[in-house]
Amino acid sequence: MFNGHESVVYAVEYSQFLIKNNIGNSNVICSGSSDNTIRFWDIRSDKNELFMIKGDEKKDNGIVCLKFIVLKNKDKTKNVTYDLNLCYGSNNGLIRIWG
């Protein structure tokens, strides 16, 4: 059980990638709620909350959907890197990319 949201949870998304953080590598899910927060959870180490994002109070009005996406980047030397980002949809119809 993951505790932390103060209202209804509308969306949960699993990241298929390991995320490096201050406690090492984590398998992560995130959850979006009508309390206008997105919370990131480590599913391997006692279900600790890793991070929280607060949505814009006036423009979001709650988080209703989430999706991890990988975006490809090229630098000037033609090296390709991949960045993990999170898209989320708000109750007011906005879609944002975080990452």
PDB file of N, CA and C in Angstrom:
ATOM      1  N   MET A   1       0.846  -1.176   0.000  1.00  0.00           N
ATOM      2  CA  MET A   1       0.000   0.000   0.000  1.00  0.00           C
ATOM      3  C   MET A   1       0.892   1.240   0.000  1.00  0.00           C
ATOM      4  N   PHE A   2       0.536   2.217  -0.833  1.00  0.00           N
ATOM      5  CA  PHE A   2       1.265   3.477  -0.932  1.00  0.00           C
ATOM      6  C   PHE A   2       0.396   4.576  -0.328  1.00  0.00           C
ATOM      7  N   ASN A   3       0.890   5.232   0.684  1.00  0.00           N
ATOM      8  CA  ASN A   3       0.128   6.275   1.372  1.00  0.00           C
ATOM      9  C   ASN A   3       0.753   7.633   1.121  1.00  0.00           C
ATOM     10  N   GLY A   4      -0.091   8.648   0.907  1.00  0.00           N
ATOM     11  CA  GLY A   4       0.435   9.990   0.732  1.00  0.00           C
ATOM     12  C   GLY A   4      -0.549  10.950   0.085  1.00  0.00           C
ATOM     13  N   HIS A   5      -1.355  10.464  -0.850  1.00  0.00           N
ATOM     14  CA  HIS A   5      -2.314  11.358  -1.496  1.00  0.00           C
ATOM     15  C   HIS A   5      -3.421  11.734  -0.523  1.00  0.00           C
ATOM     16  N   GLU A   6      -3.955  12.929  -0.700  1.00  0.00           N
ATOM     17  CA  GLU A   6      -5.010  13.433   0.177  1.00  0.00           C
ATOM     18  C   GLU A   6      -6.391  13.344  -0.452  1.00  0.00           C
ATOM     19  N   SER A   7      -6.462  12.779  -1.667  1.00  0.00           N
ATOM     20  CA  SER A   7      -7.738  12.677  -2.364  1.00  0.00           C
ATOM     21  C   SER A   7      -7.695  11.482  -3.325  1.00  0.00           C
ATOM     22  N   VAL A   8      -8.675  11.386  -4.190  1.00  0.00           N
ATOM     23  CA  VAL A   8      -8.828  10.270  -5.115  1.00  0.00           C
ATOM     24  C   VAL A   8      -7.625  10.176  -6.060  1.00  0.00           C
ATOM     25  N   VAL A   9      -7.116   8.947  -6.243  1.00  0.00           N
ATOM     26  CA  VAL A   9      -6.055   8.696  -7.207  1.00  0.00           C
ATOM     27  C   VAL A   9      -6.714   8.276  -8.518  1.00  0.00           C
ATOM     28  N   TYR A  10      -6.415   9.017  -9.593  1.00  0.00           N
ATOM     29  CA  TYR A  10      -6.996   8.738 -10.900  1.00  0.00           C
ATOM     30  C   TYR A  10      -6.081   7.948 -11.820  1.00  0.00           C
ATOM     31  N   ALA A  11      -4.766   8.000 -11.590  1.00  0.00           N
ATOM     32  CA  ALA A  11      -3.851   7.371 -12.534  1.00  0.00           C
ATOM     33  C   ALA A  11      -2.634   6.810 -11.822  1.00  0.00           C
ATOM     34  N   VAL A  12      -2.168   5.654 -12.321  1.00  0.00           N
ATOM     35  CA  VAL A  12      -0.930   5.037 -11.846  1.00  0.00           C
ATOM     36  C   VAL A  12      -0.173   4.559 -13.073  1.00  0.00           C
ATOM     37  N   GLU A  13       1.127   4.814 -13.094  1.00  0.00           N
ATOM     38  CA  GLU A  13       1.953   4.420 -14.233  1.00  0.00           C
ATOM     39  C   GLU A  13       3.257   3.816 -13.724  1.00  0.00           C
ATOM     40  N   TYR A  14       3.648   2.712 -14.332  1.00  0.00           N
ATOM     41  CA  TYR A  14       4.909   2.037 -14.000  1.00  0.00           C
ATOM     42  C   TYR A  14       5.985   2.474 -14.973  1.00  0.00           C
ATOM     43  N   SER A  15       7.163   2.791 -14.461  1.00  0.00           N
ATOM     44  CA  SER A  15       8.296   3.097 -15.324  1.00  0.00           C
ATOM     45  C   SER A  15       9.037   1.803 -15.617  1.00  0.00           C
ATOM     46  N   GLN A  16       9.211   1.479 -16.892  1.00  0.00           N
ATOM     47  CA  GLN A  16       9.916   0.257 -17.244  1.00  0.00           C
ATOM     48  C   GLN A  16      11.427   0.420 -17.136  1.00  0.00           C
ATOM     49  N   PHE A  17      11.876   1.589 -16.735  1.00  0.00           N
ATOM     50  CA  PHE A  17      13.297   1.873 -16.615  1.00  0.00           C
ATOM     51  C   PHE A  17      13.680   2.053 -15.159  1.00  0.00           C
ATOM     52  N   LEU A  18      14.900   1.656 -14.811  1.00  0.00           N
ATOM     53  CA  LEU A  18      15.422   1.947 -13.487  1.00  0.00           C
ATOM     54  C   LEU A  18      15.771   3.418 -13.418  1.00  0.00           C
ATOM     55  N   ILE A  19      15.449   4.064 -12.338  1.00  0.00           N
ATOM     56  CA  ILE A  19      15.753   5.473 -12.161  1.00  0.00           C
ATOM     57  C   ILE A  19      16.843   5.596 -11.101  1.00  0.00           C
ATOM     58  N   LYS A  20      17.930   6.279 -11.438  1.00  0.00           N
ATOM     59  CA  LYS A  20      19.031   6.476 -10.504  1.00  0.00           C
ATOM     60  C   LYS A  20      18.693   7.637  -9.583  1.00  0.00           C
ATOM     61  N   ASN A  21      18.865   7.406  -8.290  1.00  0.00           N
ATOM     62  CA  ASN A  21      18.603   8.463  -7.318  1.00  0.00           C
ATOM     63  C   ASN A  21      19.575   8.333  -6.162  1.00  0.00           C
ATOM     64  N   ASN A  22      19.340   9.092  -5.105  1.00  0.00           N
ATOM     65  CA  ASN A  22      20.279   9.114  -3.981  1.00  0.00           C
ATOM     66  C   ASN A  22      20.329   7.811  -3.181  1.00  0.00           C
ATOM     67  N   ILE A  23      19.386   6.895  -3.387  1.00  0.00           N
ATOM     68  CA  ILE A  23      19.453   5.612  -2.680  1.00  0.00           C
ATOM     69  C   ILE A  23      19.876   4.477  -3.610  1.00  0.00           C
ATOM     70  N   GLY A  24      20.293   4.821  -4.836  1.00  0.00           N
ATOM     71  CA  GLY A  24      20.710   3.808  -5.806  1.00  0.00           C
ATOM     72  C   GLY A  24      19.731   3.764  -6.961  1.00  0.00           C
ATOM     73  N   ASN A  25      19.493   2.580  -7.476  1.00  0.00           N
ATOM     74  CA  ASN A  25      18.529   2.403  -8.562  1.00  0.00           C
ATOM     75  C   ASN A  25      17.176   2.022  -7.991  1.00  0.00           C
ATOM     76  N   SER A  26      16.121   2.567  -8.574  1.00  0.00           N
ATOM     77  CA  SER A  26      14.775   2.287  -8.081  1.00  0.00           C
ATOM     78  C   SER A  26      13.867   1.869  -9.223  1.00  0.00           C
ATOM     79  N   ASN A  27      13.004   0.889  -8.951  1.00  0.00           N
ATOM     80  CA  ASN A  27      11.874   0.619  -9.825  1.00  0.00           C
ATOM     81  C   ASN A  27      10.773   1.555  -9.361  1.00  0.00           C
ATOM     82  N   VAL A  28      10.200   2.291 -10.288  1.00  0.00           N
ATOM     83  CA  VAL A  28       9.338   3.403  -9.901  1.00  0.00           C
ATOM     84  C   VAL A  28       7.954   3.279 -10.525  1.00  0.00           C
ATOM     85  N   ILE A  29       6.950   3.594  -9.710  1.00  0.00           N
ATOM     86  CA  ILE A  29       5.633   3.906 -10.233  1.00  0.00           C
ATOM     87  C   ILE A  29       5.329   5.332  -9.802  1.00  0.00           C
ATOM     88  N   CYS A  30       4.418   5.957 -10.523  1.00  0.00           N
ATOM     89  CA  CYS A  30       3.957   7.273 -10.077  1.00  0.00           C
ATOM     90  C   CYS A  30       2.437   7.257 -10.088  1.00  0.00           C
ATOM     91  N   SER A  31       1.880   8.127  -9.287  1.00  0.00           N
ATOM     92  CA  SER A  31       0.430   8.201  -9.153  1.00  0.00           C
ATOM     93  C   SER A  31       0.000   9.652  -9.241  1.00  0.00           C
ATOM     94  N   GLY A  32      -1.133   9.873  -9.910  1.00  0.00           N
ATOM     95  CA  GLY A  32      -1.698  11.217 -10.041  1.00  0.00           C
ATOM     96  C   GLY A  32      -3.051  11.273  -9.373  1.00  0.00           C
ATOM     97  N   SER A  33      -3.332  12.400  -8.723  1.00  0.00           N
ATOM     98  CA  SER A  33      -4.512  12.484  -7.885  1.00  0.00           C
ATOM     99  C   SER A  33      -5.268  13.790  -8.089  1.00  0.00           C
ATOM    100  N   SER A  34      -6.523  13.784  -7.649  1.00  0.00           N
ATOM    101  CA  SER A  34      -7.305  15.018  -7.653  1.00  0.00           C
ATOM    102  C   SER A  34      -6.788  16.001  -6.602  1.00  0.00           C
ATOM    103  N   ASP A  35      -5.848  15.570  -5.735  1.00  0.00           N
ATOM    104  CA  ASP A  35      -5.207  16.522  -4.815  1.00  0.00           C
ATOM    105  C   ASP A  35      -4.147  17.364  -5.528  1.00  0.00           C
ATOM    106  N   ASN A  36      -4.054  17.197  -6.862  1.00  0.00           N
ATOM    107  CA  ASN A  36      -3.185  17.980  -7.731  1.00  0.00           C
ATOM    108  C   ASN A  36      -1.704  17.690  -7.509  1.00  0.00           C
ATOM    109  N   THR A  37      -1.400  16.443  -7.145  1.00  0.00           N
ATOM    110  CA  THR A  37      -0.009  16.034  -6.994  1.00  0.00           C
ATOM    111  C   THR A  37       0.262  14.773  -7.807  1.00  0.00           C
ATOM    112  N   ILE A  38       1.523  14.638  -8.203  1.00  0.00           N
ATOM    113  CA  ILE A  38       2.047  13.409  -8.773  1.00  0.00           C
ATOM    114  C   ILE A  38       3.121  12.944  -7.812  1.00  0.00           C
ATOM    115  N   ARG A  39       3.012  11.708  -7.383  1.00  0.00           N
ATOM    116  CA  ARG A  39       3.982  11.160  -6.427  1.00  0.00           C
ATOM    117  C   ARG A  39       4.699   9.981  -7.062  1.00  0.00           C
ATOM    118  N   PHE A  40       6.006   9.937  -6.846  1.00  0.00           N
ATOM    119  CA  PHE A  40       6.854   8.870  -7.358  1.00  0.00           C
ATOM    120  C   PHE A  40       7.186   7.935  -6.204  1.00  0.00           C
ATOM    121  N   TRP A  41       7.046   6.637  -6.434  1.00  0.00           N
ATOM    122  CA  TRP A  41       7.211   5.631  -5.382  1.00  0.00           C
ATOM    123  C   TRP A  41       8.248   4.601  -5.811  1.00  0.00           C
ATOM    124  N   ASP A  42       9.095   4.202  -4.878  1.00  0.00           N
ATOM    125  CA  ASP A  42      10.055   3.117  -5.086  1.00  0.00           C
ATOM    126  C   ASP A  42       9.357   1.830  -4.694  1.00  0.00           C
ATOM    127  N   ILE A  43       9.154   0.940  -5.653  1.00  0.00           N
ATOM    128  CA  ILE A  43       8.386  -0.273  -5.357  1.00  0.00           C
ATOM    129  C   ILE A  43       9.242  -1.379  -4.767  1.00  0.00           C
ATOM    130  N   ARG A  44      10.560  -1.181  -4.661  1.00  0.00           N
ATOM    131  CA  ARG A  44      11.426  -2.228  -4.121  1.00  0.00           C
ATOM    132  C   ARG A  44      11.879  -1.962  -2.694  1.00  0.00           C
ATOM    133  N   SER A  45      11.906  -0.747  -2.238  1.00  0.00           N
ATOM    134  CA  SER A  45      12.431  -0.479  -0.901  1.00  0.00           C
ATOM    135  C   SER A  45      11.353   0.087   0.020  1.00  0.00           C
ATOM    136  N   ASP A  46      10.550  -0.765   0.550  1.00  0.00           N
ATOM    137  CA  ASP A  46       9.520  -0.401   1.521  1.00  0.00           C
ATOM    138  C   ASP A  46       8.526   0.636   1.019  1.00  0.00           C
ATOM    139  N   LYS A  47       8.360   0.719  -0.296  1.00  0.00           N
ATOM    140  CA  LYS A  47       7.358   1.599  -0.889  1.00  0.00           C
ATOM    141  C   LYS A  47       7.541   3.056  -0.465  1.00  0.00           C
ATOM    142  N   ASN A  48       8.794   3.511  -0.402  1.00  0.00           N
ATOM    143  CA  ASN A  48       9.086   4.886  -0.025  1.00  0.00           C
ATOM    144  C   ASN A  48       8.674   5.862  -1.121  1.00  0.00           C
ATOM    145  N   GLU A  49       8.158   7.002  -0.700  1.00  0.00           N
ATOM    146  CA  GLU A  49       7.896   8.075  -1.657  1.00  0.00           C
ATOM    147  C   GLU A  49       9.226   8.722  -2.005  1.00  0.00           C
ATOM    148  N   LEU A  50       9.538   8.791  -3.296  1.00  0.00           N
ATOM    149  CA  LEU A  50      10.805   9.341  -3.753  1.00  0.00           C
ATOM    150  C   LEU A  50      10.735  10.831  -4.029  1.00  0.00           C
ATOM    151  N   PHE A  51       9.592  11.269  -4.556  1.00  0.00           N
ATOM    152  CA  PHE A  51       9.504  12.642  -5.028  1.00  0.00           C
ATOM    153  C   PHE A  51       8.041  12.995  -5.217  1.00  0.00           C
ATOM    154  N   MET A  52       7.742  14.291  -5.177  1.00  0.00           N
ATOM    155  CA  MET A  52       6.381  14.747  -5.417  1.00  0.00           C
ATOM    156  C   MET A  52       6.420  15.993  -6.301  1.00  0.00           C
ATOM    157  N   ILE A  53       5.505  16.057  -7.256  1.00  0.00           N
ATOM    158  CA  ILE A  53       5.317  17.239  -8.092  1.00  0.00           C
ATOM    159  C   ILE A  53       3.940  17.802  -7.767  1.00  0.00           C
ATOM    160  N   LYS A  54       3.874  19.102  -7.540  1.00  0.00           N
ATOM    161  CA  LYS A  54       2.583  19.754  -7.367  1.00  0.00           C
ATOM    162  C   LYS A  54       2.179  20.383  -8.683  1.00  0.00           C
ATOM    163  N   GLY A  55       0.958  20.109  -9.116  1.00  0.00           N
ATOM    164  CA  GLY A  55       0.436  20.743 -10.319  1.00  0.00           C
ATOM    165  C   GLY A  55       0.107  22.200 -10.051  1.00  0.00           C
ATOM    166  N   ASP A  56      -0.073  22.946 -11.102  1.00  0.00           N
ATOM    167  CA  ASP A  56      -0.455  24.353 -10.998  1.00  0.00           C
ATOM    168  C   ASP A  56      -1.890  24.433 -10.471  1.00  0.00           C
ATOM    169  N   GLU A  57      -2.070  25.084  -9.337  1.00  0.00           N
ATOM    170  CA  GLU A  57      -3.383  25.115  -8.668  1.00  0.00           C
ATOM    171  C   GLU A  57      -4.478  25.717  -9.551  1.00  0.00           C
ATOM    172  N   LYS A  58      -4.163  26.751 -10.309  1.00  0.00           N
ATOM    173  CA  LYS A  58      -5.176  27.420 -11.119  1.00  0.00           C
ATOM    174  C   LYS A  58      -5.370  26.763 -12.480  1.00  0.00           C
ATOM    175  N   LYS A  59      -4.299  26.167 -13.032  1.00  0.00           N
ATOM    176  CA  LYS A  59      -4.381  25.657 -14.405  1.00  0.00           C
ATOM    177  C   LYS A  59      -4.616  24.150 -14.499  1.00  0.00           C
ATOM    178  N   ASP A  60      -4.276  23.378 -13.463  1.00  0.00           N
ATOM    179  CA  ASP A  60      -4.410  21.926 -13.562  1.00  0.00           C
ATOM    180  C   ASP A  60      -5.680  21.394 -12.916  1.00  0.00           C
ATOM    181  N   ASN A  61      -5.941  21.752 -11.680  1.00  0.00           N
ATOM    182  CA  ASN A  61      -7.151  21.315 -10.977  1.00  0.00           C
ATOM    183  C   ASN A  61      -7.250  19.795 -10.864  1.00  0.00           C
ATOM    184  N   GLY A  62      -6.134  19.145 -10.595  1.00  0.00           N
ATOM    185  CA  GLY A  62      -6.117  17.696 -10.426  1.00  0.00           C
ATOM    186  C   GLY A  62      -5.440  17.005 -11.589  1.00  0.00           C
ATOM    187  N   ILE A  63      -4.779  15.882 -11.310  1.00  0.00           N
ATOM    188  CA  ILE A  63      -4.072  15.090 -12.308  1.00  0.00           C
ATOM    189  C   ILE A  63      -4.933  13.875 -12.630  1.00  0.00           C
ATOM    190  N   VAL A  64      -5.256  13.669 -13.913  1.00  0.00           N
ATOM    191  CA  VAL A  64      -6.183  12.594 -14.270  1.00  0.00           C
ATOM    192  C   VAL A  64      -5.554  11.464 -15.080  1.00  0.00           C
ATOM    193  N   CYS A  65      -4.391  11.688 -15.701  1.00  0.00           N
ATOM    194  CA  CYS A  65      -3.730  10.610 -16.428  1.00  0.00           C
ATOM    195  C   CYS A  65      -2.227  10.855 -16.492  1.00  0.00           C
ATOM    196  N   LEU A  66      -1.460   9.752 -16.640  1.00  0.00           N
ATOM    197  CA  LEU A  66       0.007   9.789 -16.645  1.00  0.00           C
ATOM    198  C   LEU A  66       0.530   8.831 -17.699  1.00  0.00           C
ATOM    199  N   LYS A  67       1.699   9.158 -18.253  1.00  0.00           N
ATOM    200  CA  LYS A  67       2.360   8.243 -19.179  1.00  0.00           C
ATOM    201  C   LYS A  67       3.845   8.579 -19.235  1.00  0.00           C
ATOM    202  N   PHE A  68       4.709   7.574 -18.971  1.00  0.00           N
ATOM    203  CA  PHE A  68       6.142   7.749 -19.160  1.00  0.00           C
ATOM    204  C   PHE A  68       6.445   7.647 -20.643  1.00  0.00           C
ATOM    205  N   ILE A  69       7.287   8.540 -21.147  1.00  0.00           N
ATOM    206  CA  ILE A  69       7.716   8.491 -22.544  1.00  0.00           C
ATOM    207  C   ILE A  69       9.235   8.668 -22.599  1.00  0.00           C
ATOM    208  N   VAL A  70       9.833   8.117 -23.635  1.00  0.00           N
ATOM    209  CA  VAL A  70      11.266   8.257 -23.858  1.00  0.00           C
ATOM    210  C   VAL A  70      11.455   9.159 -25.069  1.00  0.00           C
ATOM    211  N   LEU A  71      12.222  10.228 -24.885  1.00  0.00           N
ATOM    212  CA  LEU A  71      12.517  11.144 -25.977  1.00  0.00           C
ATOM    213  C   LEU A  71      13.977  11.000 -26.373  1.00  0.00           C
ATOM    214  N   LYS A  72      14.213  10.953 -27.662  1.00  0.00           N
ATOM    215  CA  LYS A  72      15.564  10.789 -28.186  1.00  0.00           C
ATOM    216  C   LYS A  72      16.182  12.165 -28.422  1.00  0.00           C
ATOM    217  N   ASN A  73      17.446  12.338 -27.970  1.00  0.00           N
ATOM    218  CA  ASN A  73      18.186  13.581 -28.157  1.00  0.00           C
ATOM    219  C   ASN A  73      19.466  13.318 -28.920  1.00  0.00           C
ATOM    220  N   LYS A  74      19.838  14.258 -29.790  1.00  0.00           N
ATOM    221  CA  LYS A  74      21.125  14.196 -30.477  1.00  0.00           C
ATOM    222  C   LYS A  74      21.905  15.444 -30.122  1.00  0.00           C
ATOM    223  N   ASP A  75      23.184  15.286 -29.833  1.00  0.00           N
ATOM    224  CA  ASP A  75      24.009  16.467 -29.616  1.00  0.00           C
ATOM    225  C   ASP A  75      24.827  16.747 -30.875  1.00  0.00           C
ATOM    226  N   LYS A  76      25.671  17.767 -30.829  1.00  0.00           N
ATOM    227  CA  LYS A  76      26.425  18.193 -32.013  1.00  0.00           C
ATOM    228  C   LYS A  76      27.394  17.132 -32.527  1.00  0.00           C
ATOM    229  N   THR A  77      27.801  16.218 -31.660  1.00  0.00           N
ATOM    230  CA  THR A  77      28.727  15.156 -32.082  1.00  0.00           C
ATOM    231  C   THR A  77      27.979  13.930 -32.587  1.00  0.00           C
ATOM    232  N   LYS A  78      26.686  14.066 -32.790  1.00  0.00           N
ATOM    233  CA  LYS A  78      25.826  12.980 -33.311  1.00  0.00           C
ATOM    234  C   LYS A  78      25.629  11.840 -32.309  1.00  0.00           C
ATOM    235  N   ASN A  79      25.982  12.085 -31.054  1.00  0.00           N
ATOM    236  CA  ASN A  79      25.695  11.088 -30.018  1.00  0.00           C
ATOM    237  C   ASN A  79      24.205  11.121 -29.709  1.00  0.00           C
ATOM    238  N   VAL A  80      23.628   9.961 -29.522  1.00  0.00           N
ATOM    239  CA  VAL A  80      22.201   9.866 -29.221  1.00  0.00           C
ATOM    240  C   VAL A  80      22.041   9.474 -27.765  1.00  0.00           C
ATOM    241  N   THR A  81      21.206  10.213 -27.077  1.00  0.00           N
ATOM    242  CA  THR A  81      20.854   9.864 -25.699  1.00  0.00           C
ATOM    243  C   THR A  81      19.338   9.771 -25.613  1.00  0.00           C
ATOM    244  N   TYR A  82      18.873   9.092 -24.584  1.00  0.00           N
ATOM    245  CA  TYR A  82      17.437   8.928 -24.379  1.00  0.00           C
ATOM    246  C   TYR A  82      17.082   9.465 -23.004  1.00  0.00           C
ATOM    247  N   ASP A  83      16.082  10.319 -22.965  1.00  0.00           N
ATOM    248  CA  ASP A  83      15.623  10.912 -21.716  1.00  0.00           C
ATOM    249  C   ASP A  83      14.241  10.379 -21.375  1.00  0.00           C
ATOM    250  N   LEU A  84      14.069   9.998 -20.115  1.00  0.00           N
ATOM    251  CA  LEU A  84      12.771   9.553 -19.628  1.00  0.00           C
ATOM    252  C   LEU A  84      11.995  10.770 -19.146  1.00  0.00           C
ATOM    253  N   ASN A  85      10.797  10.949 -19.660  1.00  0.00           N
ATOM    254  CA  ASN A  85       9.944  12.072 -19.299  1.00  0.00           C
ATOM    255  C   ASN A  85       8.575  11.544 -18.894  1.00  0.00           C
ATOM    256  N   LEU A  86       7.825  12.385 -18.235  1.00  0.00           N
ATOM    257  CA  LEU A  86       6.477  12.031 -17.814  1.00  0.00           C
ATOM    258  C   LEU A  86       5.496  13.015 -18.418  1.00  0.00           C
ATOM    259  N   CYS A  87       4.516  12.503 -19.139  1.00  0.00           N
ATOM    260  CA  CYS A  87       3.409  13.330 -19.625  1.00  0.00           C
ATOM    261  C   CYS A  87       2.253  13.154 -18.648  1.00  0.00           C
ATOM    262  N   TYR A  88       1.569  14.250 -18.380  1.00  0.00           N
ATOM    263  CA  TYR A  88       0.376  14.101 -17.557  1.00  0.00           C
ATOM    264  C   TYR A  88      -0.722  15.030 -18.041  1.00  0.00           C
ATOM    265  N   GLY A  89      -1.933  14.557 -17.862  1.00  0.00           N
ATOM    266  CA  GLY A  89      -3.109  15.331 -18.227  1.00  0.00           C
ATOM    267  C   GLY A  89      -3.803  15.835 -16.983  1.00  0.00           C
ATOM    268  N   SER A  90      -4.305  17.058 -17.073  1.00  0.00           N
ATOM    269  CA  SER A  90      -4.965  17.667 -15.922  1.00  0.00           C
ATOM    270  C   SER A  90      -6.483  17.680 -16.117  1.00  0.00           C
ATOM    271  N   ASN A  91      -7.175  17.928 -15.044  1.00  0.00           N
ATOM    272  CA  ASN A  91      -8.630  17.992 -15.045  1.00  0.00           C
ATOM    273  C   ASN A  91      -9.151  19.165 -15.872  1.00  0.00           C
ATOM    274  N   ASN A  92      -8.325  20.177 -16.096  1.00  0.00           N
ATOM    275  CA  ASN A  92      -8.727  21.334 -16.900  1.00  0.00           C
ATOM    276  C   ASN A  92      -8.381  21.176 -18.375  1.00  0.00           C
ATOM    277  N   GLY A  93      -7.919  19.988 -18.802  1.00  0.00           N
ATOM    278  CA  GLY A  93      -7.698  19.733 -20.199  1.00  0.00           C
ATOM    279  C   GLY A  93      -6.276  20.002 -20.695  1.00  0.00           C
ATOM    280  N   LEU A  94      -5.370  20.414 -19.820  1.00  0.00           N
ATOM    281  CA  LEU A  94      -3.988  20.662 -20.215  1.00  0.00           C
ATOM    282  C   LEU A  94      -3.172  19.379 -20.196  1.00  0.00           C
ATOM    283  N   ILE A  95      -2.235  19.264 -21.122  1.00  0.00           N
ATOM    284  CA  ILE A  95      -1.275  18.166 -21.120  1.00  0.00           C
ATOM    285  C   ILE A  95       0.102  18.768 -20.953  1.00  0.00           C
ATOM    286  N   ARG A  96       0.880  18.225 -20.029  1.00  0.00           N
ATOM    287  CA  ARG A  96       2.220  18.759 -19.747  1.00  0.00           C
ATOM    288  C   ARG A  96       3.242  17.634 -19.844  1.00  0.00           C
ATOM    289  N   ILE A  97       4.479  18.014 -20.149  1.00  0.00           N
ATOM    290  CA  ILE A  97       5.598  17.074 -20.133  1.00  0.00           C
ATOM    291  C   ILE A  97       6.555  17.533 -19.045  1.00  0.00           C
ATOM    292  N   TRP A  98       6.880  16.612 -18.167  1.00  0.00           N
ATOM    293  CA  TRP A  98       7.810  16.899 -17.063  1.00  0.00           C
ATOM    294  C   TRP A  98       9.014  15.992 -17.207  1.00  0.00           C
ATOM    295  N   GLY A  99      10.186  16.550 -17.095  1.00  0.00           N
ATOM    296  CA  GLY A  99      11.400  15.732 -17.152  1.00  0.00           C
ATOM    297  C   GLY A  99      12.558  16.454 -17.747  1.00  0.00           C
TER     298      GLY A  99
END
